[in-house]
N, C-alpha and C. Protein backbone atom coordinates (compact mmCIF):
# COMPACT_ATOMS: atom_id res chain seq x y z
N UNK A 1 126.63 92.12 111.29
CA UNK A 1 125.52 92.64 112.06
C UNK A 1 124.39 91.61 112.00
N UNK A 2 123.81 91.32 113.15
CA UNK A 2 122.73 90.34 113.20
C UNK A 2 121.41 90.98 112.77
N UNK A 3 120.43 90.12 112.54
CA UNK A 3 119.10 90.61 112.15
C UNK A 3 118.53 91.50 113.25
N UNK A 4 118.70 91.09 114.50
CA UNK A 4 118.18 91.88 115.62
C UNK A 4 118.87 93.24 115.69
N UNK A 5 120.17 93.27 115.50
CA UNK A 5 120.90 94.55 115.51
C UNK A 5 120.45 95.45 114.36
N UNK A 6 120.21 94.86 113.21
CA UNK A 6 119.73 95.64 112.06
C UNK A 6 118.35 96.21 112.35
N UNK A 7 117.47 95.40 112.93
CA UNK A 7 116.13 95.89 113.27
C UNK A 7 116.20 97.03 114.28
N UNK A 8 117.08 96.90 115.26
CA UNK A 8 117.24 97.96 116.25
C UNK A 8 117.73 99.24 115.58
N UNK A 9 118.67 99.10 114.68
CA UNK A 9 119.22 100.26 113.98
C UNK A 9 118.17 100.94 113.11
N UNK A 10 117.40 100.17 112.37
CA UNK A 10 116.43 100.78 111.46
C UNK A 10 115.17 101.27 112.18
N UNK A 11 115.08 100.99 113.47
CA UNK A 11 113.93 101.50 114.23
C UNK A 11 114.10 102.97 114.61
N UNK A 12 115.30 103.51 114.36
CA UNK A 12 115.54 104.92 114.64
C UNK A 12 114.78 105.78 113.62
N UNK A 13 114.46 107.00 114.01
CA UNK A 13 113.75 107.90 113.10
C UNK A 13 114.68 108.45 112.02
N UNK A 14 115.91 108.76 112.39
CA UNK A 14 116.85 109.39 111.48
C UNK A 14 118.07 108.51 111.28
N UNK A 15 118.66 108.62 110.11
CA UNK A 15 119.85 107.86 109.75
C UNK A 15 121.00 108.83 109.52
N UNK A 16 122.09 108.63 110.26
CA UNK A 16 123.27 109.45 110.03
C UNK A 16 124.29 108.65 109.23
N UNK A 17 125.44 109.22 109.00
CA UNK A 17 126.45 108.57 108.17
C UNK A 17 126.91 107.24 108.77
N UNK A 18 127.11 107.20 110.08
CA UNK A 18 127.56 105.96 110.71
C UNK A 18 126.50 104.86 110.60
N UNK A 19 125.24 105.22 110.74
CA UNK A 19 124.16 104.25 110.57
C UNK A 19 124.17 103.70 109.14
N UNK A 20 124.35 104.58 108.19
CA UNK A 20 124.38 104.17 106.79
C UNK A 20 125.56 103.23 106.53
N UNK A 21 126.69 103.53 107.13
CA UNK A 21 127.86 102.66 106.98
C UNK A 21 127.59 101.28 107.57
N UNK A 22 126.92 101.23 108.71
CA UNK A 22 126.61 99.94 109.33
C UNK A 22 125.64 99.15 108.47
N UNK A 23 124.65 99.81 107.93
CA UNK A 23 123.64 99.12 107.12
C UNK A 23 124.20 98.59 105.80
N UNK A 24 125.12 99.33 105.22
CA UNK A 24 125.61 98.97 103.89
C UNK A 24 126.96 98.26 103.89
N UNK A 25 127.74 98.47 104.94
CA UNK A 25 129.08 97.90 104.97
C UNK A 25 130.06 98.68 104.12
N UNK A 26 129.67 99.87 103.72
CA UNK A 26 130.53 100.71 102.89
C UNK A 26 131.55 101.46 103.74
N UNK A 27 132.63 101.86 103.09
CA UNK A 27 133.60 102.73 103.73
C UNK A 27 133.06 104.15 103.80
N UNK A 28 133.80 105.02 104.45
CA UNK A 28 133.33 106.38 104.68
C UNK A 28 133.05 107.13 103.38
N UNK A 29 133.97 107.10 102.44
CA UNK A 29 133.80 107.87 101.20
C UNK A 29 132.61 107.39 100.37
N UNK A 30 132.46 106.08 100.24
CA UNK A 30 131.32 105.56 99.48
C UNK A 30 130.01 105.79 100.20
N UNK A 31 130.03 105.75 101.52
CA UNK A 31 128.81 106.04 102.29
C UNK A 31 128.41 107.50 102.11
N UNK A 32 129.39 108.39 102.06
CA UNK A 32 129.10 109.81 101.83
C UNK A 32 128.46 110.00 100.46
N UNK A 33 128.99 109.33 99.45
CA UNK A 33 128.41 109.42 98.10
C UNK A 33 126.97 108.90 98.09
N UNK A 34 126.74 107.77 98.75
CA UNK A 34 125.39 107.20 98.80
C UNK A 34 124.45 108.14 99.54
N UNK A 35 124.90 108.71 100.63
CA UNK A 35 124.07 109.64 101.41
C UNK A 35 123.68 110.84 100.55
N UNK A 36 124.64 111.37 99.80
CA UNK A 36 124.35 112.51 98.92
C UNK A 36 123.33 112.13 97.85
N UNK A 37 123.48 110.92 97.32
CA UNK A 37 122.56 110.43 96.29
C UNK A 37 121.13 110.32 96.84
N UNK A 38 121.00 109.73 98.01
CA UNK A 38 119.68 109.60 98.63
C UNK A 38 119.11 110.98 98.96
N UNK A 39 119.95 111.84 99.50
CA UNK A 39 119.50 113.19 99.88
C UNK A 39 119.01 113.95 98.65
N UNK A 40 119.72 113.86 97.55
CA UNK A 40 119.33 114.54 96.32
C UNK A 40 117.98 114.01 95.83
N UNK A 41 117.79 112.70 95.84
CA UNK A 41 116.52 112.12 95.42
C UNK A 41 115.36 112.63 96.28
N UNK A 42 115.59 112.70 97.59
CA UNK A 42 114.53 113.15 98.50
C UNK A 42 114.24 114.64 98.32
N UNK A 43 115.28 115.44 98.15
CA UNK A 43 115.07 116.88 97.95
C UNK A 43 114.34 117.14 96.63
N UNK A 44 114.61 116.31 95.63
CA UNK A 44 113.90 116.45 94.35
C UNK A 44 112.41 116.12 94.50
N UNK A 45 112.08 115.31 95.52
CA UNK A 45 110.68 114.99 95.81
C UNK A 45 110.04 116.04 96.71
N UNK A 46 110.81 117.04 97.14
CA UNK A 46 110.25 118.10 97.95
C UNK A 46 110.56 118.01 99.44
N UNK A 47 111.33 117.03 99.84
CA UNK A 47 111.70 116.91 101.25
C UNK A 47 112.64 118.05 101.64
N UNK A 48 112.48 118.54 102.86
CA UNK A 48 113.44 119.46 103.45
C UNK A 48 114.07 118.70 104.61
N UNK A 49 115.37 118.49 104.53
CA UNK A 49 116.03 117.59 105.46
C UNK A 49 117.01 118.32 106.37
N UNK A 50 117.20 117.78 107.59
CA UNK A 50 118.28 118.29 108.43
C UNK A 50 119.61 118.08 107.71
N UNK A 51 120.61 118.86 108.04
CA UNK A 51 121.85 118.86 107.27
C UNK A 51 122.57 117.51 107.23
N UNK A 52 122.57 116.75 108.31
CA UNK A 52 123.36 115.53 108.32
C UNK A 52 122.54 114.26 108.51
N UNK A 53 121.22 114.36 108.34
CA UNK A 53 120.36 113.21 108.60
C UNK A 53 119.45 112.90 107.43
N UNK A 54 119.09 111.63 107.32
CA UNK A 54 118.11 111.17 106.34
C UNK A 54 117.01 110.43 107.09
N UNK A 55 115.77 110.49 106.61
CA UNK A 55 114.71 109.70 107.25
C UNK A 55 115.02 108.21 107.10
N UNK A 56 115.02 107.49 108.21
CA UNK A 56 115.39 106.08 108.18
C UNK A 56 114.45 105.28 107.28
N UNK A 57 113.15 105.61 107.29
CA UNK A 57 112.22 104.85 106.45
C UNK A 57 112.57 104.98 104.97
N UNK A 58 113.07 106.14 104.56
CA UNK A 58 113.46 106.33 103.16
C UNK A 58 114.76 105.57 102.85
N UNK A 59 115.66 105.51 103.81
CA UNK A 59 116.90 104.75 103.62
C UNK A 59 116.58 103.26 103.50
N UNK A 60 115.70 102.77 104.36
CA UNK A 60 115.29 101.36 104.30
C UNK A 60 114.66 101.06 102.95
N UNK A 61 113.82 101.96 102.48
CA UNK A 61 113.17 101.78 101.18
C UNK A 61 114.20 101.81 100.05
N UNK A 62 115.11 102.75 100.09
CA UNK A 62 116.12 102.89 99.04
C UNK A 62 117.01 101.64 98.98
N UNK A 63 117.39 101.13 100.15
CA UNK A 63 118.27 99.97 100.21
C UNK A 63 117.52 98.66 100.04
N UNK A 64 116.18 98.75 99.96
CA UNK A 64 115.33 97.57 99.80
C UNK A 64 115.59 96.53 100.90
N UNK A 65 115.59 97.02 102.14
CA UNK A 65 115.78 96.14 103.30
C UNK A 65 114.47 95.43 103.58
N UNK A 66 114.51 94.12 103.64
CA UNK A 66 113.33 93.30 103.85
C UNK A 66 113.10 93.14 105.35
N UNK A 67 112.24 93.97 105.91
CA UNK A 67 111.99 93.98 107.35
C UNK A 67 111.34 92.67 107.81
N UNK A 68 110.40 92.16 107.04
CA UNK A 68 109.72 90.91 107.41
C UNK A 68 110.73 89.77 107.53
N UNK A 69 111.67 89.71 106.62
CA UNK A 69 112.69 88.67 106.66
C UNK A 69 113.57 88.83 107.91
N UNK A 70 113.97 90.06 108.20
CA UNK A 70 114.79 90.31 109.39
C UNK A 70 114.05 89.91 110.67
N UNK A 71 112.76 90.23 110.72
CA UNK A 71 111.97 89.86 111.89
C UNK A 71 111.90 88.34 112.04
N UNK A 72 111.72 87.67 110.93
CA UNK A 72 111.66 86.20 110.95
C UNK A 72 112.99 85.63 111.42
N UNK A 73 114.09 86.15 110.92
CA UNK A 73 115.41 85.66 111.30
C UNK A 73 115.71 85.94 112.78
N UNK A 74 115.33 87.12 113.24
CA UNK A 74 115.56 87.47 114.64
C UNK A 74 114.74 86.56 115.56
N UNK A 75 113.54 86.24 115.13
CA UNK A 75 112.66 85.37 115.92
C UNK A 75 113.20 83.94 115.96
N UNK A 76 113.73 83.46 114.84
CA UNK A 76 114.27 82.10 114.77
C UNK A 76 115.49 81.95 115.67
N UNK A 77 116.29 82.98 115.77
CA UNK A 77 117.49 82.92 116.60
C UNK A 77 117.11 82.81 118.07
N UNK A 78 116.04 83.50 118.45
CA UNK A 78 115.57 83.47 119.84
C UNK A 78 115.05 82.08 120.19
N UNK A 79 114.33 81.45 119.25
CA UNK A 79 113.73 80.14 119.52
C UNK A 79 114.72 79.07 119.49
């Protein structure tokens, strides 16, 4: 996945299982485990979440995705 594709994906408001798989490169079973882990952490903080979605900003934070770096890389490819 390119930097531009990653930026487009993380610009969504909600993250579903397929988005999580694309971001992490995990298989279905491991992505499900990760999703449950993130969901549990968020619910412990008081979040009430839709059944199959996670807030994308929280997923980006959890995965420590460097948005500034992705923007720089996407810009360099264009130039």
